[in-house]
Amino acid sequence: MPKTLIKNINKLRFGIEIEVEFPHTKDSYVLIAKHRIIRGWEMDYDGSLDNGAEYRPKEKNRLYYNEDCIDQIKEIIGLIKAHRGNIKPSCGLHIHVDMKNFTNKEICNIIKTFIKKQDTIYRRFKVLKIRQDDSAQKIPVNIKKIVKEKIIQEIKDTGQSSNDNSYFNDRHYGLNLLSLNEHNTLEFRFFNGTIQSKRIKSYLCWVLNFCLNGAKSAK
C-alpha cells in the first residue's frame, strides 16, 4: 500500500460502532439508562442484540485517526470489560467513513472496488457465516455494473434509489451506502465484533486506506 496514503488517513473523519453483549446478570437497559460512559461517547440499545449495547461517539460525532481517538477507544473497551461485556457471533463492528470530501464518482469507485474484492476481503477478515447470512451480506456481483453516480445522488437526497435492486434499499450488506442519506458516510459493516484495541486499530487503518485508494483510482 503506498506510504503516501498512509500519511493521509488522519485527514479522514470516521465514526465507529462497537457492539457487545452482557451476561444476563447484567441488565443492558439499566447500564444504558445510567449512561456510565466517558465524555464524548454514548451507549444505546441495538435491536440485533440479545442483552447488549452499541458504543459509539456521541451525537454521531466523527473522529480522526490519531492517538487521541485510539486512546478513546481503549477507554471505551476498558469500560466494556469492567461491565463484563463480551463478543458473541452476532456482534459486529461498524465503521462509518465520512464521504463529505469525496465525489459521487469516487464513491462509486469505492463501492465497485469493494464488490470486486469482497470475496478476498471476507476471507482476510474471516467474516462469520452468521453475519454473512444476516447483517453483513455480500453484495451481488452484478451490482458492480449498475452502480452509477445518479444512484449515489438519489440515495443522498432521498435515502432510497429508483433502482429496485435490494442492495440499493437495504443496509444489511458488508458495505452499506444507505448511510449516505442520514450520515453522509459509507458504512463498512462486515467486521466481526471485537474488543481488542489493536485489532480495531488495524481495521480502521485498512478501511481508511481502502477508501483513499478507491478515490485515487477514480481520477
C-alpha atoms as a PDB file:
ATOM      1  CA  MET A   1       0.000   0.000   0.000  1.00  0.00           C
ATOM      2  CA  PRO A   2       1.522   3.392  -0.979  1.00  0.00           C
ATOM      3  CA  LYS A   3       3.038   5.164   2.022  1.00  0.00           C
ATOM      4  CA  THR A   4       1.714   8.498   0.825  1.00  0.00           C
ATOM      5  CA  LEU A   5      -1.823   7.274   1.507  1.00  0.00           C
ATOM      6  CA  ILE A   6      -0.955   6.087   4.989  1.00  0.00           C
ATOM      7  CA  LYS A   7       0.194   9.617   5.778  1.00  0.00           C
ATOM      8  CA  ASN A   8      -3.179  10.984   4.705  1.00  0.00           C
ATOM      9  CA  ILE A   9      -5.609   8.771   6.601  1.00  0.00           C
ATOM     10  CA  ASN A  10      -5.535  11.136   9.587  1.00  0.00           C
ATOM     11  CA  LYS A  11      -7.343  13.653   7.395  1.00  0.00           C
ATOM     12  CA  LEU A  12     -10.372  11.405   7.013  1.00  0.00           C
ATOM     13  CA  ARG A  13     -13.160  11.540   9.575  1.00  0.00           C
ATOM     14  CA  PHE A  14     -14.952   8.409  10.680  1.00  0.00           C
ATOM     15  CA  GLY A  15     -17.440   7.020  13.177  1.00  0.00           C
ATOM     16  CA  ILE A  16     -17.351   3.637  14.843  1.00  0.00           C
ATOM     17  CA  GLU A  17     -19.971   1.373  16.428  1.00  0.00           C
ATOM     18  CA  ILE A  18     -18.832  -1.338  18.843  1.00  0.00           C
ATOM     19  CA  GLU A  19     -21.480  -3.980  19.567  1.00  0.00           C
ATOM     20  CA  VAL A  20     -21.195  -6.098  22.708  1.00  0.00           C
ATOM     21  CA  GLU A  21     -23.327  -8.478  24.751  1.00  0.00           C
ATOM     22  CA  PHE A  22     -23.550  -8.582  28.543  1.00  0.00           C
ATOM     23  CA  PRO A  23     -24.076 -11.601  30.791  1.00  0.00           C
ATOM     24  CA  HIS A  24     -27.672 -11.980  31.927  1.00  0.00           C
ATOM     25  CA  THR A  25     -26.661 -10.988  35.440  1.00  0.00           C
ATOM     26  CA  LYS A  26     -26.213  -7.511  33.950  1.00  0.00           C
ATOM     27  CA  ASP A  27     -29.209  -5.613  32.616  1.00  0.00           C
ATOM     28  CA  SER A  28     -28.143  -3.746  29.489  1.00  0.00           C
ATOM     29  CA  TYR A  29     -31.125  -1.395  29.785  1.00  0.00           C
ATOM     30  CA  VAL A  30     -30.008  -0.355  33.254  1.00  0.00           C
ATOM     31  CA  LEU A  31     -26.462   0.256  32.043  1.00  0.00           C
ATOM     32  CA  ILE A  32     -27.712   2.309  29.113  1.00  0.00           C
ATOM     33  CA  ALA A  33     -30.038   4.331  31.359  1.00  0.00           C
ATOM     34  CA  LYS A  34     -27.164   5.178  33.692  1.00  0.00           C
ATOM     35  CA  HIS A  35     -25.007   6.407  30.787  1.00  0.00           C
ATOM     36  CA  ARG A  36     -21.861   5.335  32.613  1.00  0.00           C
ATOM     37  CA  ILE A  37     -19.614   6.432  29.800  1.00  0.00           C
ATOM     38  CA  ILE A  38     -16.665   8.694  29.142  1.00  0.00           C
ATOM     39  CA  ARG A  39     -17.272  12.138  27.742  1.00  0.00           C
ATOM     40  CA  GLY A  40     -17.928  12.220  24.015  1.00  0.00           C
ATOM     41  CA  TRP A  41     -19.304   8.656  23.719  1.00  0.00           C
ATOM     42  CA  GLU A  42     -22.696   7.071  24.277  1.00  0.00           C
ATOM     43  CA  MET A  43     -24.171   3.606  24.554  1.00  0.00           C
ATOM     44  CA  ASP A  44     -27.527   2.635  23.100  1.00  0.00           C
ATOM     45  CA  TYR A  45     -29.711  -0.415  22.595  1.00  0.00           C
ATOM     46  CA  ASP A  46     -29.305  -2.354  19.360  1.00  0.00           C
ATOM     47  CA  GLY A  47     -32.256  -4.441  18.192  1.00  0.00           C
ATOM     48  CA  SER A  48     -29.979  -7.112  16.734  1.00  0.00           C
ATOM     49  CA  LEU A  49     -28.556  -7.960  20.164  1.00  0.00           C
ATOM     50  CA  ASP A  50     -29.961 -10.075  22.974  1.00  0.00           C
ATOM     51  CA  ASN A  51     -28.739  -8.322  26.133  1.00  0.00           C
ATOM     52  CA  GLY A  52     -26.260  -5.913  24.689  1.00  0.00           C
ATOM     53  CA  ALA A  53     -25.481  -2.389  23.648  1.00  0.00           C
ATOM     54  CA  GLU A  54     -23.748  -0.394  20.964  1.00  0.00           C
ATOM     55  CA  TYR A  55     -20.998   2.061  21.878  1.00  0.00           C
ATOM     56  CA  ARG A  56     -20.359   4.982  19.538  1.00  0.00           C
ATOM     57  CA  PRO A  57     -19.179   8.613  19.525  1.00  0.00           C
ATOM     58  CA  LYS A  58     -21.922  10.830  20.970  1.00  0.00           C
ATOM     59  CA  GLU A  59     -24.342  12.580  18.605  1.00  0.00           C
ATOM     60  CA  LYS A  60     -22.751  10.856  15.601  1.00  0.00           C
ATOM     61  CA  ASN A  61     -19.506  12.727  16.133  1.00  0.00           C
ATOM     62  CA  ARG A  62     -16.687  11.979  13.701  1.00  0.00           C
ATOM     63  CA  LEU A  63     -13.179  11.114  14.819  1.00  0.00           C
ATOM     64  CA  TYR A  64      -9.804  11.489  13.198  1.00  0.00           C
ATOM     65  CA  TYR A  65      -7.316   8.629  13.063  1.00  0.00           C
ATOM     66  CA  ASN A  66      -4.802   9.758  15.666  1.00  0.00           C
ATOM     67  CA  GLU A  67      -3.502   8.896  19.133  1.00  0.00           C
ATOM     68  CA  ASP A  68      -6.404  10.639  20.853  1.00  0.00           C
ATOM     69  CA  CYS A  69      -9.043   8.577  19.045  1.00  0.00           C
ATOM     70  CA  ILE A  70      -7.180   5.341  19.787  1.00  0.00           C
ATOM     71  CA  ASP A  71      -6.953   6.339  23.454  1.00  0.00           C
ATOM     72  CA  GLN A  72     -10.705   6.985  23.491  1.00  0.00           C
ATOM     73  CA  ILE A  73     -11.379   3.555  22.028  1.00  0.00           C
ATOM     74  CA  LYS A  74      -9.110   1.939  24.626  1.00  0.00           C
ATOM     75  CA  GLU A  75     -11.033   3.709  27.409  1.00  0.00           C
ATOM     76  CA  ILE A  76     -14.350   2.516  25.994  1.00  0.00           C
ATOM     77  CA  ILE A  77     -13.038  -1.044  25.814  1.00  0.00           C
ATOM     78  CA  GLY A  78     -11.891  -0.759  29.419  1.00  0.00           C
ATOM     79  CA  LEU A  79     -15.402   0.320  30.397  1.00  0.00           C
ATOM     80  CA  ILE A  80     -16.958  -2.553  28.445  1.00  0.00           C
ATOM     81  CA  LYS A  81     -14.696  -5.058  30.169  1.00  0.00           C
ATOM     82  CA  ALA A  82     -15.464  -3.526  33.568  1.00  0.00           C
ATOM     83  CA  HIS A  83     -19.139  -4.331  32.934  1.00  0.00           C
ATOM     84  CA  ARG A  84     -18.170  -7.824  31.709  1.00  0.00           C
ATOM     85  CA  GLY A  85     -19.209  -7.108  28.170  1.00  0.00           C
ATOM     86  CA  ASN A  86     -18.171  -9.710  25.624  1.00  0.00           C
ATOM     87  CA  ILE A  87     -18.430 -10.589  21.971  1.00  0.00           C
ATOM     88  CA  LYS A  88     -20.874 -13.124  20.546  1.00  0.00           C
ATOM     89  CA  PRO A  89     -21.007 -14.240  16.895  1.00  0.00           C
ATOM     90  CA  SER A  90     -23.940 -11.914  16.197  1.00  0.00           C
ATOM     91  CA  CYS A  91     -21.941  -8.843  17.295  1.00  0.00           C
ATOM     92  CA  GLY A  92     -20.370  -6.635  14.680  1.00  0.00           C
ATOM     93  CA  LEU A  93     -18.037  -3.671  14.466  1.00  0.00           C
ATOM     94  CA  HIS A  94     -19.179  -0.979  12.032  1.00  0.00           C
ATOM     95  CA  ILE A  95     -17.023   1.823  10.652  1.00  0.00           C
ATOM     96  CA  HIS A  96     -18.584   4.885   9.013  1.00  0.00           C
ATOM     97  CA  VAL A  97     -16.225   6.822   6.730  1.00  0.00           C
ATOM     98  CA  ASP A  98     -17.180  10.440   6.089  1.00  0.00           C
ATOM     99  CA  MET A  99     -17.801  10.996   2.376  1.00  0.00           C
ATOM    100  CA  LYS A 100     -18.119  14.782   2.586  1.00  0.00           C
ATOM    101  CA  ASN A 101     -14.964  15.385   0.563  1.00  0.00           C
ATOM    102  CA  PHE A 102     -15.487  12.531  -1.918  1.00  0.00           C
ATOM    103  CA  THR A 103     -17.196  12.999  -5.265  1.00  0.00           C
ATOM    104  CA  ASN A 104     -20.022  10.713  -6.376  1.00  0.00           C
ATOM    105  CA  LYS A 105     -17.642   9.253  -8.947  1.00  0.00           C
ATOM    106  CA  GLU A 106     -15.135   8.422  -6.228  1.00  0.00           C
ATOM    107  CA  ILE A 107     -17.854   6.877  -4.047  1.00  0.00           C
ATOM    108  CA  CYS A 108     -18.970   4.730  -6.983  1.00  0.00           C
ATOM    109  CA  ASN A 109     -15.437   3.505  -7.474  1.00  0.00           C
ATOM    110  CA  ILE A 110     -15.008   2.641  -3.785  1.00  0.00           C
ATOM    111  CA  ILE A 111     -18.183   0.530  -3.966  1.00  0.00           C
ATOM    112  CA  LYS A 112     -17.149  -1.162  -7.213  1.00  0.00           C
ATOM    113  CA  THR A 113     -13.693  -1.932  -5.843  1.00  0.00           C
ATOM    114  CA  PHE A 114     -15.265  -3.447  -2.739  1.00  0.00           C
ATOM    115  CA  ILE A 115     -17.550  -5.658  -4.841  1.00  0.00           C
ATOM    116  CA  LYS A 116     -14.633  -6.790  -6.991  1.00  0.00           C
ATOM    117  CA  LYS A 117     -12.530  -7.713  -3.947  1.00  0.00           C
ATOM    118  CA  GLN A 118     -15.194  -8.708  -1.430  1.00  0.00           C
ATOM    119  CA  ASP A 119     -14.517 -12.456  -1.553  1.00  0.00           C
ATOM    120  CA  THR A 120     -10.875 -11.813  -0.691  1.00  0.00           C
ATOM    121  CA  ILE A 121     -11.874  -9.237   1.925  1.00  0.00           C
ATOM    122  CA  TYR A 122     -14.312 -11.618   3.623  1.00  0.00           C
ATOM    123  CA  ARG A 123     -11.679 -14.336   3.722  1.00  0.00           C
ATOM    124  CA  ARG A 124      -8.999 -11.999   5.002  1.00  0.00           C
ATOM    125  CA  PHE A 125     -11.154 -10.772   7.882  1.00  0.00           C
ATOM    126  CA  LYS A 126     -12.768 -14.181   8.468  1.00  0.00           C
ATOM    127  CA  VAL A 127     -16.315 -12.831   8.387  1.00  0.00           C
ATOM    128  CA  LEU A 128     -18.537 -15.267  10.273  1.00  0.00           C
ATOM    129  CA  LYS A 129     -21.231 -17.073   8.306  1.00  0.00           C
ATOM    130  CA  ILE A 130     -23.945 -15.954  10.725  1.00  0.00           C
ATOM    131  CA  ARG A 131     -23.105 -12.367   9.807  1.00  0.00           C
ATOM    132  CA  GLN A 132     -22.783 -13.059   6.071  1.00  0.00           C
ATOM    133  CA  ASP A 133     -26.278 -14.514   6.155  1.00  0.00           C
ATOM    134  CA  ASP A 134     -27.805 -11.600   8.021  1.00  0.00           C
ATOM    135  CA  SER A 135     -26.345  -8.205   8.905  1.00  0.00           C
ATOM    136  CA  ALA A 136     -23.278  -8.199   6.615  1.00  0.00           C
ATOM    137  CA  GLN A 137     -24.346  -9.908   3.414  1.00  0.00           C
ATOM    138  CA  LYS A 138     -22.120  -9.953   0.360  1.00  0.00           C
ATOM    139  CA  ILE A 139     -23.124  -7.591  -2.421  1.00  0.00           C
ATOM    140  CA  PRO A 140     -24.406  -9.365  -5.565  1.00  0.00           C
ATOM    141  CA  VAL A 141     -21.626  -9.225  -8.152  1.00  0.00           C
ATOM    142  CA  ASN A 142     -23.933  -7.934 -10.901  1.00  0.00           C
ATOM    143  CA  ILE A 143     -24.443  -4.716  -8.902  1.00  0.00           C
ATOM    144  CA  LYS A 144     -20.962  -3.603  -9.957  1.00  0.00           C
ATOM    145  CA  LYS A 145     -22.269  -2.861 -13.458  1.00  0.00           C
ATOM    146  CA  ILE A 146     -25.165  -0.659 -12.319  1.00  0.00           C
ATOM    147  CA  VAL A 147     -23.576   1.452  -9.589  1.00  0.00           C
ATOM    148  CA  LYS A 148     -23.869   4.931 -11.087  1.00  0.00           C
ATOM    149  CA  GLU A 149     -23.339   8.482  -9.878  1.00  0.00           C
ATOM    150  CA  LYS A 150     -27.062   9.107 -10.387  1.00  0.00           C
ATOM    151  CA  ILE A 151     -27.942   6.340  -7.920  1.00  0.00           C
ATOM    152  CA  ILE A 152     -25.492   7.725  -5.358  1.00  0.00           C
ATOM    153  CA  GLN A 153     -27.132  11.140  -5.609  1.00  0.00           C
ATOM    154  CA  GLU A 154     -30.629   9.662  -5.302  1.00  0.00           C
ATOM    155  CA  ILE A 155     -29.661   7.889  -2.104  1.00  0.00           C
ATOM    156  CA  LYS A 156     -28.010  11.013  -0.714  1.00  0.00           C
ATOM    157  CA  ASP A 157     -31.165  13.034  -1.440  1.00  0.00           C
ATOM    158  CA  THR A 158     -33.945  10.598  -0.536  1.00  0.00           C
ATOM    159  CA  GLY A 159     -32.471   7.607   1.282  1.00  0.00           C
ATOM    160  CA  GLN A 160     -33.562   5.240  -1.456  1.00  0.00           C
ATOM    161  CA  SER A 161     -32.986   4.527  -5.113  1.00  0.00           C
ATOM    162  CA  SER A 162     -35.317   4.309  -8.105  1.00  0.00           C
ATOM    163  CA  ASN A 163     -33.497   1.068  -8.904  1.00  0.00           C
ATOM    164  CA  ASP A 164     -35.451  -1.668  -7.122  1.00  0.00           C
ATOM    165  CA  ASN A 165     -32.471  -3.941  -6.514  1.00  0.00           C
ATOM    166  CA  SER A 166     -32.366  -4.809  -2.814  1.00  0.00           C
ATOM    167  CA  TYR A 167     -28.791  -3.601  -2.413  1.00  0.00           C
ATOM    168  CA  PHE A 168     -29.835  -0.021  -3.026  1.00  0.00           C
ATOM    169  CA  ASN A 169     -32.646  -0.202  -0.479  1.00  0.00           C
ATOM    170  CA  ASP A 170     -31.310  -2.398   2.339  1.00  0.00           C
ATOM    171  CA  ARG A 171     -28.489  -1.583   4.776  1.00  0.00           C
ATOM    172  CA  HIS A 172     -27.654  -5.171   5.764  1.00  0.00           C
ATOM    173  CA  TYR A 173     -24.673  -5.580   3.443  1.00  0.00           C
ATOM    174  CA  GLY A 174     -20.936  -5.623   4.106  1.00  0.00           C
ATOM    175  CA  LEU A 175     -20.764  -2.133   2.602  1.00  0.00           C
ATOM    176  CA  ASN A 176     -23.864  -0.054   3.249  1.00  0.00           C
ATOM    177  CA  LEU A 177     -24.425   3.023   1.095  1.00  0.00           C
ATOM    178  CA  LEU A 178     -27.835   3.973   2.549  1.00  0.00           C
ATOM    179  CA  SER A 179     -25.968   5.738   5.352  1.00  0.00           C
ATOM    180  CA  LEU A 180     -25.059   8.370   2.741  1.00  0.00           C
ATOM    181  CA  ASN A 181     -28.501   9.868   3.310  1.00  0.00           C
ATOM    182  CA  GLU A 182     -28.597  10.045   7.093  1.00  0.00           C
ATOM    183  CA  HIS A 183     -24.893  10.351   7.936  1.00  0.00           C
ATOM    184  CA  ASN A 184     -23.134  11.217   4.645  1.00  0.00           C
ATOM    185  CA  THR A 185     -20.965   8.141   5.192  1.00  0.00           C
ATOM    186  CA  LEU A 186     -20.205   4.771   3.696  1.00  0.00           C
ATOM    187  CA  GLU A 187     -20.684   2.165   6.408  1.00  0.00           C
ATOM    188  CA  PHE A 188     -18.384  -0.869   6.459  1.00  0.00           C
ATOM    189  CA  ARG A 189     -20.413  -3.488   8.338  1.00  0.00           C
ATOM    190  CA  PHE A 190     -18.581  -6.733   7.642  1.00  0.00           C
ATOM    191  CA  PHE A 191     -16.111  -6.744  10.543  1.00  0.00           C
ATOM    192  CA  ASN A 192     -16.753  -9.308  13.246  1.00  0.00           C
ATOM    193  CA  GLY A 193     -17.251  -7.878  16.715  1.00  0.00           C
ATOM    194  CA  THR A 194     -14.145  -7.304  18.802  1.00  0.00           C
ATOM    195  CA  ILE A 195     -12.993  -5.531  21.952  1.00  0.00           C
ATOM    196  CA  GLN A 196      -9.304  -5.832  21.111  1.00  0.00           C
ATOM    197  CA  SER A 197      -7.934  -2.326  20.609  1.00  0.00           C
ATOM    198  CA  LYS A 198      -5.058  -3.433  18.343  1.00  0.00           C
ATOM    199  CA  ARG A 199      -7.494  -5.232  16.066  1.00  0.00           C
ATOM    200  CA  ILE A 200      -9.822  -2.227  15.934  1.00  0.00           C
ATOM    201  CA  LYS A 201      -6.870  -0.001  15.085  1.00  0.00           C
ATOM    202  CA  SER A 202      -5.892  -2.281  12.199  1.00  0.00           C
ATOM    203  CA  TYR A 203      -9.493  -2.329  10.930  1.00  0.00           C
ATOM    204  CA  LEU A 204      -9.621   1.458  10.943  1.00  0.00           C
ATOM    205  CA  CYS A 205      -6.308   1.743   9.120  1.00  0.00           C
ATOM    206  CA  TRP A 206      -7.450  -0.744   6.482  1.00  0.00           C
ATOM    207  CA  VAL A 207     -10.828   0.942   5.863  1.00  0.00           C
ATOM    208  CA  LEU A 208      -9.448   4.468   5.580  1.00  0.00           C
ATOM    209  CA  ASN A 209      -6.718   3.390   3.180  1.00  0.00           C
ATOM    210  CA  PHE A 210      -9.245   1.377   1.187  1.00  0.00           C
ATOM    211  CA  CYS A 211     -11.370   4.491   0.674  1.00  0.00           C
ATOM    212  CA  LEU A 212      -8.387   6.648  -0.258  1.00  0.00           C
ATOM    213  CA  ASN A 213      -7.181   4.056  -2.761  1.00  0.00           C
ATOM    214  CA  GLY A 214     -10.666   3.789  -4.262  1.00  0.00           C
ATOM    215  CA  ALA A 215     -10.927   7.542  -4.643  1.00  0.00           C
ATOM    216  CA  LYS A 216      -7.484   7.799  -6.198  1.00  0.00           C
ATOM    217  CA  SER A 217      -8.212   5.155  -8.822  1.00  0.00           C
ATOM    218  CA  ALA A 218     -11.385   7.025  -9.879  1.00  0.00           C
ATOM    219  CA  LYS A 219      -9.429  10.051 -11.079  1.00  0.00           C
END
